[in-house]
N, C-alpha and C. Protein backbone atom coordinates (compact mmCIF):
# COMPACT_ATOMS: atom_id res chain seq x y z
N MET A 1 118.60 103.68 87.88
CA MET A 1 118.63 104.95 89.25
C MET A 1 118.09 106.20 88.41
N LEU A 2 117.52 107.44 89.05
CA LEU A 2 117.26 108.07 88.70
C LEU A 2 118.59 109.15 88.54
N ARG A 3 118.63 109.89 87.46
CA ARG A 3 119.68 110.47 87.39
C ARG A 3 119.26 111.76 87.00
N ALA A 4 119.76 112.92 87.71
CA ALA A 4 119.74 114.26 88.05
C ALA A 4 119.56 115.05 86.25
N PRO A 5 118.87 116.08 86.33
CA PRO A 5 119.04 116.43 85.00
C PRO A 5 120.43 117.20 84.49
N ARG A 6 121.08 116.90 83.17
CA ARG A 6 121.95 117.58 82.85
C ARG A 6 122.73 119.25 83.21
N LYS A 7 121.45 119.68 82.92
CA LYS A 7 122.04 121.43 83.37
C LYS A 7 121.19 121.67 84.27
N ALA A 8 122.08 122.90 85.41
CA ALA A 8 121.78 122.97 86.64
C ALA A 8 120.29 123.96 86.68
N ALA A 9 120.24 124.53 85.42
CA ALA A 9 119.01 125.33 85.09
C ALA A 9 118.01 124.45 85.54
N ASP A 10 118.02 123.07 84.99
CA ASP A 10 116.90 122.33 84.95
C ASP A 10 116.05 122.10 86.34
N CYS A 11 117.51 122.49 87.51
CA CYS A 11 117.02 121.73 88.69
C CYS A 11 116.18 123.41 89.60
N THR A 12 116.15 124.54 88.70
CA THR A 12 115.99 125.50 89.42
C THR A 12 114.69 126.06 89.92
N LEU A 13 113.68 125.62 89.02
CA LEU A 13 112.00 125.56 88.96
C LEU A 13 111.60 124.89 91.09
N ALA A 14 112.17 123.29 90.48
CA ALA A 14 111.86 122.49 91.35
C ALA A 14 112.08 123.21 92.79
N ASP A 15 113.82 123.31 92.40
CA ASP A 15 114.45 124.07 93.98
C ASP A 15 113.31 125.15 94.69
N VAL A 16 112.90 125.89 93.81
CA VAL A 16 112.39 127.49 94.13
C VAL A 16 110.84 126.99 94.84
N GLN A 17 110.23 126.21 94.11
CA GLN A 17 108.79 125.80 94.15
C GLN A 17 108.44 124.47 95.09
N PHE A 18 109.57 124.02 95.42
CA PHE A 18 109.13 122.88 96.41
C PHE A 18 110.37 122.14 97.23
N PRO A 19 110.89 123.24 97.91
CA PRO A 19 111.90 122.75 99.06
C PRO A 19 111.79 122.16 99.74
N ASN A 20 110.18 122.23 100.53
CA ASN A 20 109.75 121.02 101.49
C ASN A 20 108.92 120.42 101.09
N VAL A 21 109.20 119.71 100.09
CA VAL A 21 108.16 118.66 99.66
C VAL A 21 108.40 117.51 100.67
N ARG A 22 107.26 116.99 101.25
CA ARG A 22 107.13 115.65 101.83
C ARG A 22 106.26 114.42 101.97
N PHE A 23 106.37 113.74 102.40
CA PHE A 23 105.26 112.42 102.02
C PHE A 23 104.58 112.87 103.58
N LEU A 24 103.21 112.80 102.60
CA LEU A 24 102.23 112.73 104.44
C LEU A 24 101.59 111.54 104.64
N LEU A 25 101.22 110.61 103.92
CA LEU A 25 100.39 109.56 104.54
C LEU A 25 100.05 108.83 103.31
N SER A 26 99.78 107.15 104.01
CA SER A 26 99.20 106.28 102.72
C SER A 26 97.80 105.91 103.25
N VAL A 27 96.57 105.37 101.93
CA VAL A 27 95.14 105.61 102.55
C VAL A 27 94.99 103.97 102.04
N ALA A 28 94.19 103.14 102.49
CA ALA A 28 93.59 102.31 101.79
C ALA A 28 92.12 102.51 101.25
N GLY A 29 91.23 103.28 102.32
CA GLY A 29 89.99 103.70 102.17
C GLY A 29 89.82 105.21 101.79
N ALA A 30 88.70 105.94 101.34
CA ALA A 30 87.87 107.24 101.56
C ALA A 30 88.18 107.45 102.64
N GLU A 31 88.00 106.68 103.30
CA GLU A 31 87.54 107.04 105.18
C GLU A 31 89.03 107.94 105.50
N GLN A 32 90.29 107.91 105.02
CA GLN A 32 91.41 107.54 105.57
C GLN A 32 91.77 108.86 104.71
N PHE A 33 90.80 109.36 103.71
CA PHE A 33 91.53 110.78 103.38
C PHE A 33 91.93 112.24 103.93
N PRO A 34 92.92 112.49 103.83
CA PRO A 34 93.25 113.79 104.51
C PRO A 34 92.37 114.59 104.76
N ASN A 35 92.02 115.71 105.41
CA ASN A 35 90.81 116.91 105.48
C ASN A 35 91.45 118.21 105.20
N GLU A 36 92.85 118.00 104.67
CA GLU A 36 93.51 119.41 104.94
C GLU A 36 92.88 120.18 103.54
N TYR A 37 92.88 121.48 103.27
CA TYR A 37 92.23 122.32 102.64
C TYR A 37 93.39 122.28 101.15
N GLY A 38 92.62 123.45 100.31
CA GLY A 38 93.92 123.26 99.43
C GLY A 38 93.67 122.34 97.75
N ARG A 39 94.64 122.03 97.17
CA ARG A 39 94.18 121.55 95.71
C ARG A 39 95.34 120.09 95.71
N GLU A 40 95.31 119.19 94.85
CA GLU A 40 95.39 118.23 94.63
C GLU A 40 95.51 118.03 93.07
N VAL A 41 96.74 117.11 92.88
CA VAL A 41 96.62 116.56 91.24
C VAL A 41 96.74 115.15 91.31
N ALA A 42 96.68 114.47 90.82
CA ALA A 42 96.46 112.62 91.19
C ALA A 42 97.62 112.27 90.06
N PHE A 43 98.63 111.77 90.11
CA PHE A 43 99.66 110.96 89.49
C PHE A 43 98.91 109.32 88.54
N ALA A 44 99.01 109.22 88.08
CA ALA A 44 98.64 107.36 87.54
C ALA A 44 99.19 107.37 86.16
N GLY A 45 98.92 105.89 86.05
CA GLY A 45 99.98 105.13 84.82
C GLY A 45 100.20 103.61 85.03
N ARG A 46 99.95 103.15 83.93
CA ARG A 46 100.45 101.45 83.70
C ARG A 46 101.66 101.51 85.10
N SER A 47 101.44 99.66 85.65
CA SER A 47 102.53 99.80 86.31
C SER A 47 104.16 99.73 85.89
N ASN A 48 104.05 99.87 84.58
CA ASN A 48 105.36 99.47 84.22
C ASN A 48 105.45 100.92 83.58
N ALA A 49 105.38 102.14 83.63
CA ALA A 49 105.05 103.09 82.81
C ALA A 49 105.89 104.15 83.43
N GLY A 50 106.54 104.26 84.51
CA GLY A 50 107.68 105.27 84.55
C GLY A 50 107.11 105.88 85.71
N LYS A 51 105.71 105.98 86.39
CA LYS A 51 104.93 106.80 87.11
C LYS A 51 105.60 107.23 88.51
N SER A 52 106.61 106.81 89.25
CA SER A 52 107.03 107.15 90.29
C SER A 52 108.62 107.78 90.04
N SER A 53 109.24 107.04 88.62
CA SER A 53 110.43 108.41 88.29
C SER A 53 109.88 109.25 88.11
N ALA A 54 108.58 109.95 87.95
CA ALA A 54 108.34 110.73 87.10
C ALA A 54 107.53 111.31 88.11
N ILE A 55 107.59 111.03 89.05
CA ILE A 55 107.04 111.97 90.35
C ILE A 55 108.40 112.54 91.24
N ASN A 56 109.20 111.62 90.94
CA ASN A 56 110.63 111.92 91.93
C ASN A 56 111.39 113.14 91.20
N ALA A 57 111.33 112.80 89.76
CA ALA A 57 112.11 114.30 88.48
C ALA A 57 111.25 115.62 88.77
N ILE A 58 110.13 115.37 88.59
CA ILE A 58 109.28 116.55 88.68
C ILE A 58 109.64 117.27 90.58
N VAL A 59 109.72 116.91 91.13
CA VAL A 59 109.56 117.39 92.73
C VAL A 59 111.35 117.26 92.93
N GLN A 60 112.32 116.80 92.12
CA GLN A 60 113.55 116.53 92.03
C GLN A 60 113.82 116.13 93.48
N ARG A 61 113.39 115.00 93.93
CA ARG A 61 113.83 113.99 94.91
C ARG A 61 113.85 112.78 94.94
N ASN A 62 115.04 112.06 94.75
CA ASN A 62 115.33 110.64 94.51
C ASN A 62 114.54 110.03 95.45
N GLY A 63 114.04 109.21 95.77
CA GLY A 63 113.23 108.22 96.32
C GLY A 63 111.79 108.64 96.55
N LEU A 64 111.64 109.47 96.52
CA LEU A 64 110.37 110.55 97.21
C LEU A 64 109.25 109.02 96.95
N ALA A 65 109.09 108.82 95.72
CA ALA A 65 107.97 107.55 95.37
C ALA A 65 109.01 106.60 95.04
N ARG A 66 108.41 105.59 95.73
CA ARG A 66 109.33 104.48 95.43
C ARG A 66 109.23 103.74 94.07
N THR A 67 110.18 103.60 93.49
CA THR A 67 110.37 102.82 92.34
C THR A 67 110.77 101.36 92.42
N SER A 68 110.35 100.30 91.72
CA SER A 68 110.55 99.07 91.72
C SER A 68 110.43 98.78 90.32
N LYS A 69 111.72 97.27 90.16
CA LYS A 69 111.54 96.80 89.23
C LYS A 69 110.74 95.72 89.02
N THR A 70 109.48 95.37 90.07
CA THR A 70 108.66 94.69 90.00
C THR A 70 107.34 95.84 89.73
N PRO A 71 107.02 95.35 88.58
CA PRO A 71 105.50 96.58 88.59
C PRO A 71 104.52 96.37 89.08
N GLY A 72 103.52 96.89 90.07
CA GLY A 72 102.42 97.05 90.51
C GLY A 72 102.41 97.08 91.92
N ARG A 73 103.77 97.40 92.43
CA ARG A 73 103.95 97.51 93.70
C ARG A 73 103.56 99.04 94.82
N THR A 74 102.78 99.48 94.02
CA THR A 74 102.20 100.75 94.66
C THR A 74 101.05 100.00 95.15
N ARG A 75 100.17 99.68 96.09
CA ARG A 75 99.30 99.32 96.52
C ARG A 75 98.15 99.98 97.29
N LEU A 76 98.90 101.32 97.72
CA LEU A 76 97.70 102.18 98.18
C LEU A 76 98.09 103.58 97.59
N LEU A 77 97.25 104.90 97.92
CA LEU A 77 96.95 105.86 97.43
C LEU A 77 98.58 107.13 98.49
N ASN A 78 99.05 107.02 98.09
CA ASN A 78 100.13 108.04 98.81
C ASN A 78 99.89 109.22 98.18
N PHE A 79 99.58 110.11 99.13
CA PHE A 79 99.89 111.28 99.27
C PHE A 79 101.12 112.29 99.93
N PHE A 80 101.59 113.37 98.73
CA PHE A 80 102.59 114.42 99.07
C PHE A 80 102.63 115.68 99.25
N GLU A 81 102.44 116.00 100.47
CA GLU A 81 102.74 117.87 100.31
C GLU A 81 104.09 118.54 99.56
N LEU A 82 103.40 119.44 98.68
CA LEU A 82 104.96 120.19 97.65
C LEU A 82 104.81 121.15 98.86
N GLU A 83 103.64 122.05 99.27
CA GLU A 83 103.74 122.84 100.14
C GLU A 83 102.33 123.12 100.86
N PRO A 84 101.96 124.09 102.06
CA PRO A 84 100.29 124.21 102.23
C PRO A 84 99.48 124.09 100.98
N GLY A 85 98.77 123.16 101.15
CA GLY A 85 97.16 123.90 100.37
C GLY A 85 97.89 123.10 98.80
N LYS A 86 99.15 122.41 98.91
CA LYS A 86 99.23 121.93 97.13
C LYS A 86 99.52 120.47 97.46
N ARG A 87 99.28 119.30 97.05
CA ARG A 87 99.54 117.89 97.12
C ARG A 87 99.36 117.37 95.96
N ILE A 88 100.50 116.05 95.58
CA ILE A 88 100.12 115.28 94.93
C ILE A 88 99.61 113.50 95.25
N VAL A 89 98.81 113.00 94.42
CA VAL A 89 98.33 112.13 95.35
C VAL A 89 98.88 111.06 94.20
N ASP A 90 99.71 109.40 94.71
CA ASP A 90 100.18 108.69 93.82
C ASP A 90 99.39 107.60 93.55
N LEU A 91 98.60 107.31 92.49
CA LEU A 91 97.42 106.33 92.46
C LEU A 91 98.40 105.15 92.11
N PRO A 92 97.68 103.64 92.77
CA PRO A 92 98.67 102.45 92.45
C PRO A 92 98.29 102.36 90.81
N GLY A 93 99.24 101.66 90.16
CA GLY A 93 99.52 101.42 88.91
C GLY A 93 98.61 100.20 88.43
N TYR A 94 98.09 100.52 86.98
CA TYR A 94 96.98 99.83 86.71
C TYR A 94 97.57 98.78 85.33
N GLY A 95 97.20 97.73 85.11
CA GLY A 95 97.37 96.75 83.81
C GLY A 95 97.96 95.77 84.14
N TYR A 96 98.55 95.33 85.73
CA TYR A 96 99.30 94.59 86.11
C TYR A 96 98.20 93.40 87.12
N ALA A 97 97.81 92.55 86.76
CA ALA A 97 97.00 91.36 87.42
C ALA A 97 97.03 90.72 88.01
N THR A 98 98.30 90.95 88.86
CA THR A 98 98.82 89.37 89.50
C THR A 98 98.05 89.61 91.13
N ALA A 99 97.53 90.89 91.60
CA ALA A 99 97.13 90.84 92.92
C ALA A 99 95.56 90.37 92.68
N PRO A 100 94.96 89.40 94.04
CA PRO A 100 94.02 89.01 94.11
C PRO A 100 92.98 89.90 94.10
N PRO A 101 91.84 89.33 93.56
CA PRO A 101 90.57 90.05 93.35
C PRO A 101 90.09 90.52 94.28
N PRO A 102 90.27 90.50 95.73
CA PRO A 102 89.98 91.06 96.53
C PRO A 102 90.40 92.84 97.20
N GLU A 103 91.58 92.30 96.20
CA GLU A 103 92.82 93.87 96.29
C GLU A 103 92.33 94.67 95.56
N ARG A 104 92.00 93.84 93.82
CA ARG A 104 91.79 94.53 92.90
C ARG A 104 90.26 95.32 92.97
N LYS A 105 89.77 94.66 93.52
CA LYS A 105 88.05 95.60 94.14
C LYS A 105 88.63 96.41 95.00
N GLN A 106 89.33 96.28 95.90
CA GLN A 106 89.72 97.53 96.85
C GLN A 106 90.16 98.73 96.26
N TRP A 107 90.91 98.74 95.15
CA TRP A 107 91.48 99.39 94.60
C TRP A 107 90.88 100.20 93.93
N THR A 108 89.67 99.56 93.21
CA THR A 108 88.99 99.88 92.38
C THR A 108 87.69 101.14 93.05
N GLU A 109 86.93 100.25 94.00
CA GLU A 109 86.37 101.21 94.99
C GLU A 109 87.07 102.59 95.46
N LEU A 110 88.53 102.58 95.88
CA LEU A 110 89.18 103.67 96.03
C LEU A 110 89.44 104.87 95.03
N ILE A 111 89.44 104.20 93.95
CA ILE A 111 89.52 104.79 92.61
C ILE A 111 88.72 105.84 92.33
N ASN A 112 87.51 104.81 92.53
CA ASN A 112 85.91 105.69 92.23
C ASN A 112 85.52 106.36 93.28
N SER A 113 85.87 106.32 94.49
CA SER A 113 86.05 107.41 95.49
C SER A 113 86.56 108.58 95.07
N LEU A 114 87.13 108.98 94.40
CA LEU A 114 88.15 110.50 93.53
C LEU A 114 87.37 111.41 93.37
N PRO A 115 86.22 111.29 92.37
CA PRO A 115 85.76 112.53 91.94
C PRO A 115 84.97 112.90 93.13
N GLU A 116 84.35 112.40 93.88
CA GLU A 116 83.88 113.15 95.64
C GLU A 116 85.05 113.89 95.78
N ARG A 117 85.67 113.59 96.00
CA ARG A 117 86.97 114.67 96.66
C ARG A 117 86.95 115.68 95.73
N GLU A 118 86.44 116.64 96.68
CA GLU A 118 86.50 118.05 96.24
C GLU A 118 88.19 119.17 95.96
N PHE A 119 89.19 118.14 96.66
CA PHE A 119 90.58 118.83 96.50
C PHE A 119 91.33 118.36 94.88
N LEU A 120 90.79 117.73 94.77
CA LEU A 120 91.35 117.22 93.49
C LEU A 120 90.87 117.81 92.30
N VAL A 121 91.84 118.29 91.47
CA VAL A 121 91.53 119.08 90.44
C VAL A 121 92.58 118.89 88.85
N GLY A 122 93.00 118.11 89.17
CA GLY A 122 94.10 117.27 88.12
C GLY A 122 94.41 116.02 88.27
N LEU A 123 94.83 115.61 86.81
CA LEU A 123 95.50 114.19 86.69
C LEU A 123 96.57 114.31 85.58
N PHE A 124 97.39 113.88 85.82
CA PHE A 124 99.53 113.61 85.61
C PHE A 124 98.97 112.05 84.79
N LEU A 125 98.74 112.03 83.75
CA LEU A 125 98.83 110.04 83.63
C LEU A 125 100.09 109.84 82.68
N ILE A 126 100.54 109.13 83.26
CA ILE A 126 101.90 108.76 82.63
C ILE A 126 101.93 107.50 81.73
N ILE A 127 102.46 107.52 80.24
CA ILE A 127 102.33 106.74 79.36
C ILE A 127 103.67 106.35 78.74
N ASP A 128 103.86 105.29 79.00
CA ASP A 128 104.99 104.61 78.22
C ASP A 128 105.24 104.94 76.55
N ILE A 129 105.80 106.25 76.54
CA ILE A 129 105.58 106.66 74.86
C ILE A 129 106.04 105.56 73.74
N ARG A 130 106.93 104.29 74.25
CA ARG A 130 107.04 103.35 73.22
C ARG A 130 105.69 102.56 72.88
N ARG A 131 105.01 102.63 73.88
CA ARG A 131 103.46 101.87 73.68
C ARG A 131 102.48 102.87 73.30
N GLY A 132 102.59 103.65 73.67
CA GLY A 132 101.32 104.86 73.03
C GLY A 132 100.14 104.62 74.11
N LEU A 133 99.23 105.17 73.80
CA LEU A 133 98.10 105.02 74.34
C LEU A 133 97.10 103.87 74.72
N ARG A 134 96.82 103.26 75.29
CA ARG A 134 95.82 101.77 75.19
C ARG A 134 94.46 102.12 75.83
N ASP A 135 93.88 101.27 75.49
CA ASP A 135 92.08 101.48 76.03
C ASP A 135 92.20 101.86 77.30
N GLU A 136 92.83 101.15 78.35
CA GLU A 136 92.81 101.52 79.65
C GLU A 136 93.11 103.39 79.65
N ASP A 137 94.38 103.53 79.08
CA ASP A 137 94.68 105.36 79.51
C ASP A 137 93.69 105.82 78.91
N LEU A 138 92.86 105.62 77.78
CA LEU A 138 91.60 106.41 77.23
C LEU A 138 91.07 106.68 78.28
N GLN A 139 90.41 105.41 78.39
CA GLN A 139 88.97 104.75 79.20
C GLN A 139 89.32 106.08 80.79
N LEU A 140 90.62 106.01 81.43
CA LEU A 140 91.07 106.89 82.85
C LEU A 140 90.92 108.51 82.22
N VAL A 141 91.27 108.85 80.79
CA VAL A 141 91.33 110.33 80.56
C VAL A 141 90.34 110.38 80.48
N PHE A 142 89.13 109.62 79.92
CA PHE A 142 87.78 109.99 79.69
C PHE A 142 87.08 110.56 81.22
N TRP A 143 87.07 109.35 82.04
CA TRP A 143 86.87 109.25 83.14
C TRP A 143 86.90 110.62 84.19
N ALA A 144 88.59 111.07 83.82
CA ALA A 144 88.52 111.80 84.60
C ALA A 144 88.54 113.20 84.18
N VAL A 145 88.10 113.27 82.60
CA VAL A 145 87.67 114.88 82.36
C VAL A 145 86.16 114.81 82.88
N SER A 146 85.38 113.39 82.69
CA SER A 146 84.00 113.95 83.10
C SER A 146 83.60 114.22 84.62
N ALA A 147 85.04 113.94 85.19
CA ALA A 147 85.03 114.33 86.64
C ALA A 147 85.52 116.22 86.52
N GLY A 148 85.79 117.06 85.68
CA GLY A 148 86.12 117.97 85.97
C GLY A 148 87.25 118.17 85.95
N TRP A 149 87.78 117.12 85.98
CA TRP A 149 89.40 117.31 86.36
C TRP A 149 90.26 118.03 85.13
N GLN A 150 91.22 118.74 85.09
CA GLN A 150 92.51 119.09 84.05
C GLN A 150 93.50 117.97 83.69
N VAL A 151 93.48 117.22 83.05
CA VAL A 151 94.23 116.10 82.67
C VAL A 151 95.59 116.48 81.83
N HIS A 152 96.72 116.36 81.72
CA HIS A 152 98.07 116.31 81.05
C HIS A 152 98.70 115.06 81.23
N ALA A 153 98.94 114.58 79.87
CA ALA A 153 99.55 113.56 79.65
C ALA A 153 101.37 113.35 79.29
N LEU A 154 101.80 112.74 80.05
CA LEU A 154 103.38 112.41 79.79
C LEU A 154 103.84 111.31 79.34
N LEU A 155 104.72 111.27 77.93
CA LEU A 155 104.83 110.63 77.07
C LEU A 155 106.29 110.05 77.99
N ALA A 156 106.47 109.24 78.86
CA ALA A 156 107.58 109.22 79.62
C ALA A 156 108.37 107.90 78.79
N LYS A 157 109.91 108.00 79.13
CA LYS A 157 110.94 107.17 78.95
C LYS A 157 111.54 107.84 77.18
N ALA A 158 111.11 108.77 76.95
CA ALA A 158 111.46 109.68 75.84
C ALA A 158 112.92 109.19 75.25
N ASP A 159 113.76 109.42 76.43
CA ASP A 159 115.33 108.72 76.31
C ASP A 159 115.24 107.42 75.36
N LYS A 160 114.49 106.78 75.36
CA LYS A 160 114.18 105.51 74.30
C LYS A 160 114.15 105.82 73.24
N LEU A 161 113.61 106.65 72.80
CA LEU A 161 113.46 106.87 71.50
C LEU A 161 114.51 108.27 70.64
N ASN A 162 114.52 108.26 69.38
CA ASN A 162 114.92 109.11 68.73
C ASN A 162 113.95 110.96 68.60
N GLN A 163 114.57 111.58 68.05
CA GLN A 163 113.74 112.98 68.05
C GLN A 163 112.41 112.73 67.04
N ARG A 164 112.71 111.81 65.71
CA ARG A 164 111.62 111.66 64.50
C ARG A 164 110.53 111.07 65.73
N GLU A 165 111.35 109.65 66.70
CA GLU A 165 109.94 108.93 66.91
C GLU A 165 109.27 109.67 67.65
N ARG A 166 110.01 110.78 68.87
CA ARG A 166 109.06 111.38 69.96
C ARG A 166 108.14 112.23 69.12
N SER A 167 108.64 112.48 68.25
CA SER A 167 107.42 113.69 67.40
C SER A 167 106.19 112.99 67.26
N SER A 168 106.62 111.85 66.24
CA SER A 168 105.21 111.03 65.73
C SER A 168 104.76 110.32 66.87
N ALA A 169 105.13 110.10 67.73
CA ALA A 169 104.52 109.77 69.22
C ALA A 169 103.74 110.61 69.95
N LEU A 170 104.16 111.87 70.12
CA LEU A 170 103.19 112.85 70.44
C LEU A 170 102.61 113.57 69.22
N LYS A 171 102.33 113.12 68.06
CA LYS A 171 101.53 113.44 67.24
C LYS A 171 100.38 112.41 67.59
N ASP A 172 100.44 111.58 67.63
CA ASP A 172 99.44 110.14 67.77
C ASP A 172 98.98 110.41 68.90
N ALA A 173 99.52 110.79 70.08
CA ALA A 173 98.40 110.86 71.02
C ALA A 173 97.72 112.12 71.38
N GLU A 174 98.23 113.23 70.81
CA GLU A 174 97.46 114.23 70.28
C GLU A 174 96.26 114.10 69.61
N ALA A 175 96.58 113.10 68.74
CA ALA A 175 95.39 112.65 67.58
C ALA A 175 93.90 112.17 68.50
N GLN A 176 94.35 111.57 69.40
CA GLN A 176 93.74 110.69 70.22
C GLN A 176 93.14 110.89 71.49
N LEU A 177 93.79 112.14 72.15
CA LEU A 177 93.14 112.47 73.36
C LEU A 177 91.81 113.61 73.30
N PRO A 178 91.14 113.82 74.06
CA PRO A 178 89.95 114.56 73.82
C PRO A 178 90.41 116.28 73.74
N GLU A 179 89.56 117.33 73.28
CA GLU A 179 90.20 118.60 73.05
C GLU A 179 90.09 118.89 75.00
N GLY A 180 91.29 119.78 75.38
CA GLY A 180 91.61 120.32 75.87
C GLY A 180 92.36 119.66 77.08
N VAL A 181 92.70 118.29 76.91
CA VAL A 181 93.92 117.53 77.20
C VAL A 181 95.04 117.71 76.52
N THR A 182 96.32 118.02 77.50
CA THR A 182 97.41 118.46 77.03
C THR A 182 98.51 117.06 77.04
N ALA A 183 99.25 117.19 76.24
CA ALA A 183 100.45 115.98 76.36
C ALA A 183 101.55 116.59 76.20
N GLN A 184 102.80 116.26 76.20
CA GLN A 184 104.25 116.26 76.11
C GLN A 184 105.32 115.14 76.25
N ILE A 185 106.66 115.32 75.81
CA ILE A 185 107.73 114.35 75.56
C ILE A 185 108.22 114.65 77.44
N PHE A 186 108.52 113.33 77.96
CA PHE A 186 109.06 113.23 79.09
C PHE A 186 110.01 112.48 79.36
N SER A 187 111.42 112.48 80.14
CA SER A 187 112.19 111.16 80.15
C SER A 187 112.49 111.82 81.45
N ALA A 188 112.45 111.04 82.47
CA ALA A 188 112.99 111.27 83.95
C ALA A 188 114.43 110.67 84.03
N HIS A 189 114.91 109.54 83.22
CA HIS A 189 116.22 109.57 82.94
C HIS A 189 117.03 110.85 82.45
N ASP A 190 116.78 111.20 81.34
CA ASP A 190 117.36 112.67 81.20
C ASP A 190 117.01 113.78 81.29
N GLY A 191 116.03 113.89 82.09
CA GLY A 191 115.19 114.89 82.34
C GLY A 191 115.24 115.34 81.49
N ILE A 192 114.42 115.18 80.43
CA ILE A 192 113.86 115.83 78.78
C ILE A 192 112.58 116.09 79.41
N GLY A 193 112.13 117.60 79.43
CA GLY A 193 110.33 118.28 79.56
C GLY A 193 110.38 118.09 81.12
N VAL A 194 111.31 117.98 82.46
CA VAL A 194 111.09 118.15 83.61
C VAL A 194 110.46 119.27 83.65
N GLU A 195 111.00 120.64 83.15
CA GLU A 195 110.33 122.15 83.46
C GLU A 195 109.05 122.30 82.88
N PRO A 196 108.70 122.24 82.17
CA PRO A 196 107.50 121.78 81.58
C PRO A 196 106.39 121.58 81.78
N ALA A 197 106.89 120.06 82.37
CA ALA A 197 105.94 119.15 83.65
C ALA A 197 105.70 120.24 84.77
N GLN A 198 106.74 120.84 85.55
CA GLN A 198 107.09 121.34 86.65
C GLN A 198 105.77 122.73 86.93
N LYS A 199 106.10 123.25 85.59
CA LYS A 199 105.13 123.96 85.18
C LYS A 199 103.44 124.06 85.20
N ARG A 200 103.74 122.70 84.18
CA ARG A 200 101.80 122.50 84.04
C ARG A 200 101.59 121.78 85.51
N LEU A 201 102.00 121.02 86.04
CA LEU A 201 101.53 120.91 87.60
C LEU A 201 101.44 121.93 88.63
N LEU A 202 102.19 123.41 88.23
CA LEU A 202 101.98 124.49 89.22
C LEU A 202 100.74 125.33 89.08
N GLY A 203 100.40 125.15 87.51
CA GLY A 203 99.14 125.83 86.70
C GLY A 203 97.84 125.00 87.53
N MET A 204 98.17 123.48 87.34
CA MET A 204 96.87 122.90 87.81
C MET A 204 96.61 123.59 89.20
N LEU A 205 97.62 123.22 89.77
CA LEU A 205 97.48 123.22 91.48
C LEU A 205 97.45 125.01 92.15
N SER A 206 97.26 125.50 90.80
CA SER A 206 97.27 127.31 91.51
C SER A 206 96.03 128.08 90.95
N SER A 207 95.79 127.35 89.76
CA SER A 207 94.30 128.24 88.78
C SER A 207 93.26 128.01 89.64
């Protein structure tokens, strides 16, 4: 279960910036995308990387993005509104291949339609810090960069490592990521890095 960050100060930014965050809709095809104005940032990651927990921690809403013990449960694109004109998009997890081929094909077509969406300006990539960047992660990073998006990597589940291991993992990730892509240590469980992640998200949605 997601725990609130230990210090009250850690909640301040989210409480001020996202007081009215809400679920908008789920879509299975590009024709269902909302036609609202503004800017959007997508959240992506492998199916067991902790993406839903990261979203919940950043917006300070337990249960907004559904978490599950079974990887790969996010089968649609889920849109959430932080405030009018600022949205996040929860993408289906990748790297979990139990879904039937037609369903995986539908996901692929849906994701490939995203660069055509003018509102999308950024990507938060959730990485399990214990696993590091894999080929699929890097492919997604370069795909997003080629689309002109800002990209920020969260090295999640940092509470599972000690400080030395976290620093080493961050250094390795930064060495692999292309220029201009940012990265940070993060833990939804312990609240590590929540406020920097909030600030980075707001920067993407406001710049």
